[in-house]
Amino acid sequence: MGTNTPKATRVAASHFANYISHLIGQSVRKYDISIEDQAILALVYAESTAPLRGDAYLAARFGHNERGLPNEYRRSVNLKFIHTSLGLSRETTRRKLERLVGRGFLMKVQGGYLFPNVAGDHAFARDFRVTLLDTLERIAQLASGVPEGKR
């Protein structure tokens, strides 16, 4: 693509913002978790699954719906990293983490927390991926010049 090729960046950004707001609203209503809880979940998910983004072998083997990334490849995320990254107090973060662990959204492991790699697939994780995939498909179609509604 040349530098003069128009890009649907505003439309893509609008779709991304719509995805985020839809996911937040859905999570608040369906799972009764706060926006701060969602920020913690997103941070722990992103950090604990970072090896998928940096290792082509792991991405090919575990980056699909059939098999999640085994815990031995995941990075635990500690309390200090979470509360400093999100600008939350240590005590508030600790309480929220305990509550998220108690509800099955996170696992406490030596050294920190992990997003669970549940065999039955946690509904929250499934909703997160399905909504994201739908949004990415719409954005990719827009970037390739397919008008909205012509899918």
Protein backbone atom coordinates (compact mmCIF):
# COMPACT_ATOMS: atom_id res chain seq x y z
CA MET A 1 0.00 0.00 0.00
CA GLY A 2 1.25 3.44 -0.87
CA THR A 3 1.23 6.37 1.49
CA ASN A 4 -1.66 7.92 -0.45
CA THR A 5 -3.91 4.89 0.03
CA PRO A 6 -6.84 5.88 2.23
CA LYS A 7 -7.09 3.78 5.35
CA ALA A 8 -10.22 3.29 7.40
CA THR A 9 -8.42 4.06 10.65
CA ARG A 10 -11.27 6.10 12.11
CA VAL A 11 -13.74 3.35 11.29
CA ALA A 12 -11.40 0.69 12.69
CA ALA A 13 -10.89 2.75 15.85
CA SER A 14 -14.65 3.15 16.16
CA HIS A 15 -15.12 -0.62 15.89
CA PHE A 16 -12.41 -1.22 18.46
CA ALA A 17 -13.99 1.27 20.87
CA ASN A 18 -17.35 -0.39 20.26
CA TYR A 19 -15.79 -3.79 21.05
CA ILE A 20 -14.29 -2.52 24.30
CA SER A 21 -17.51 -0.81 25.43
CA HIS A 22 -19.60 -3.87 24.45
CA LEU A 23 -17.26 -6.19 26.35
CA ILE A 24 -17.25 -3.93 29.42
CA GLY A 25 -21.04 -3.59 29.46
CA GLN A 26 -21.56 -7.31 28.86
CA SER A 27 -19.14 -8.19 31.64
CA VAL A 28 -20.73 -5.80 34.11
CA ARG A 29 -24.21 -7.17 33.39
CA LYS A 30 -23.51 -10.85 32.81
CA TYR A 31 -20.69 -11.48 35.29
CA ASP A 32 -21.22 -8.69 37.83
CA ILE A 33 -17.62 -7.53 37.73
CA SER A 34 -16.43 -3.95 37.91
CA ILE A 35 -14.42 -2.08 35.31
CA GLU A 36 -11.40 -2.27 37.64
CA ASP A 37 -11.90 -6.05 37.87
CA GLN A 38 -11.98 -6.19 34.07
CA ALA A 39 -8.76 -4.18 33.85
CA ILE A 40 -7.11 -6.66 36.24
CA LEU A 41 -8.39 -9.62 34.21
CA ALA A 42 -7.19 -8.10 30.93
CA LEU A 43 -3.75 -7.33 32.37
CA VAL A 44 -3.31 -10.80 33.88
CA TYR A 45 -4.58 -12.44 30.68
CA ALA A 46 -2.22 -10.40 28.50
CA GLU A 47 0.81 -10.97 30.71
CA SER A 48 0.23 -14.65 31.46
CA THR A 49 -0.34 -15.48 27.79
CA ALA A 50 2.50 -13.28 26.49
CA PRO A 51 4.53 -16.36 25.46
CA LEU A 52 1.92 -16.97 22.72
CA ARG A 53 2.78 -13.61 21.20
CA GLY A 54 6.54 -14.09 21.36
CA ASP A 55 7.05 -17.74 20.43
CA ALA A 56 5.96 -19.01 17.01
CA TYR A 57 6.05 -22.64 18.17
CA LEU A 58 3.76 -21.97 21.15
CA ALA A 59 1.45 -19.83 18.99
CA ALA A 60 1.12 -22.61 16.39
CA ARG A 61 0.62 -25.33 19.00
CA PHE A 62 -1.55 -23.56 21.59
CA GLY A 63 -2.84 -20.38 19.94
CA HIS A 64 -6.11 -21.90 18.73
CA ASN A 65 -9.35 -22.92 20.42
CA GLU A 66 -8.48 -26.63 20.57
CA ARG A 67 -5.78 -26.32 23.24
CA GLY A 68 -5.02 -23.52 25.61
CA LEU A 69 -1.49 -22.58 26.65
CA PRO A 70 -0.45 -24.98 29.45
CA ASN A 71 0.31 -23.35 32.78
CA GLU A 72 3.99 -24.31 32.63
CA TYR A 73 4.41 -21.86 29.73
CA ARG A 74 2.40 -19.08 31.33
CA ARG A 75 3.90 -16.21 33.30
CA SER A 76 2.45 -15.53 36.71
CA VAL A 77 1.62 -11.89 37.33
CA ASN A 78 2.40 -10.54 40.77
CA LEU A 79 0.40 -8.14 42.92
CA LYS A 80 2.94 -5.31 42.65
CA PHE A 81 2.96 -5.41 38.84
CA ILE A 82 -0.85 -5.35 38.75
CA HIS A 83 -1.43 -2.51 41.19
CA THR A 84 1.37 -0.31 39.81
CA SER A 85 0.36 -0.94 36.18
CA LEU A 86 -3.25 0.00 36.84
CA GLY A 87 -2.68 2.79 39.36
CA LEU A 88 -4.69 1.03 42.06
CA SER A 89 -3.76 0.84 45.72
CA ARG A 90 -2.05 -2.34 46.82
CA GLU A 91 -4.82 -3.21 49.29
CA THR A 92 -7.67 -2.59 46.82
CA THR A 93 -5.89 -4.71 44.23
CA ARG A 94 -5.26 -7.50 46.75
CA ARG A 95 -8.97 -7.58 47.74
CA LYS A 96 -10.09 -7.58 44.11
CA LEU A 97 -7.65 -10.38 43.25
CA GLU A 98 -8.93 -12.48 46.17
CA ARG A 99 -12.51 -11.97 44.98
CA LEU A 100 -11.63 -12.81 41.35
CA VAL A 101 -9.82 -15.97 42.49
CA GLY A 102 -12.79 -16.92 44.68
CA ARG A 103 -15.15 -16.57 41.72
CA GLY A 104 -12.90 -18.61 39.41
CA PHE A 105 -11.85 -15.76 37.11
CA LEU A 106 -8.18 -16.07 38.16
CA MET A 107 -5.94 -18.67 39.77
CA LYS A 108 -3.46 -17.94 42.53
CA VAL A 109 -0.14 -19.67 41.90
CA GLN A 110 3.32 -19.37 43.37
CA GLY A 111 4.58 -15.94 42.43
CA GLY A 112 1.26 -14.39 41.47
CA TYR A 113 -1.86 -14.95 39.40
CA LEU A 114 -2.84 -16.60 36.13
CA PHE A 115 -5.90 -16.43 33.93
CA PRO A 116 -7.27 -19.98 34.17
CA ASN A 117 -6.70 -22.44 31.37
CA VAL A 118 -9.92 -24.31 32.03
CA ALA A 119 -10.66 -27.52 30.14
CA GLY A 120 -14.36 -26.65 29.83
CA ASP A 121 -13.48 -23.10 28.76
CA HIS A 122 -14.57 -20.38 31.15
CA ALA A 123 -17.57 -18.48 29.76
CA PHE A 124 -15.90 -15.11 30.31
CA ALA A 125 -12.84 -16.16 28.28
CA ARG A 126 -15.06 -17.56 25.52
CA ASP A 127 -17.14 -14.35 25.37
CA PHE A 128 -13.95 -12.30 25.28
CA ARG A 129 -12.56 -14.26 22.30
CA VAL A 130 -15.83 -14.49 20.33
CA THR A 131 -16.52 -10.76 20.62
CA LEU A 132 -12.91 -9.94 19.73
CA LEU A 133 -12.92 -12.23 16.68
CA ASP A 134 -16.13 -10.68 15.36
CA THR A 135 -14.68 -7.19 15.77
CA LEU A 136 -11.37 -8.11 14.13
CA GLU A 137 -13.19 -9.63 11.16
CA ARG A 138 -15.19 -6.40 10.69
CA ILE A 139 -12.04 -4.28 10.95
CA ALA A 140 -10.16 -6.52 8.45
CA GLN A 141 -13.04 -6.24 5.97
CA LEU A 142 -13.04 -2.47 6.31
CA ALA A 143 -9.27 -2.33 5.82
CA SER A 144 -9.58 -4.42 2.66
CA GLY A 145 -12.21 -2.07 1.27
CA VAL A 146 -15.33 -4.20 1.89
CA PRO A 147 -18.10 -1.80 2.91
CA GLU A 148 -19.98 -2.35 6.16
CA GLY A 149 -22.94 -4.68 5.69
CA LYS A 150 -21.43 -6.40 2.60
CA ARG A 151 -19.97 -9.36 4.50
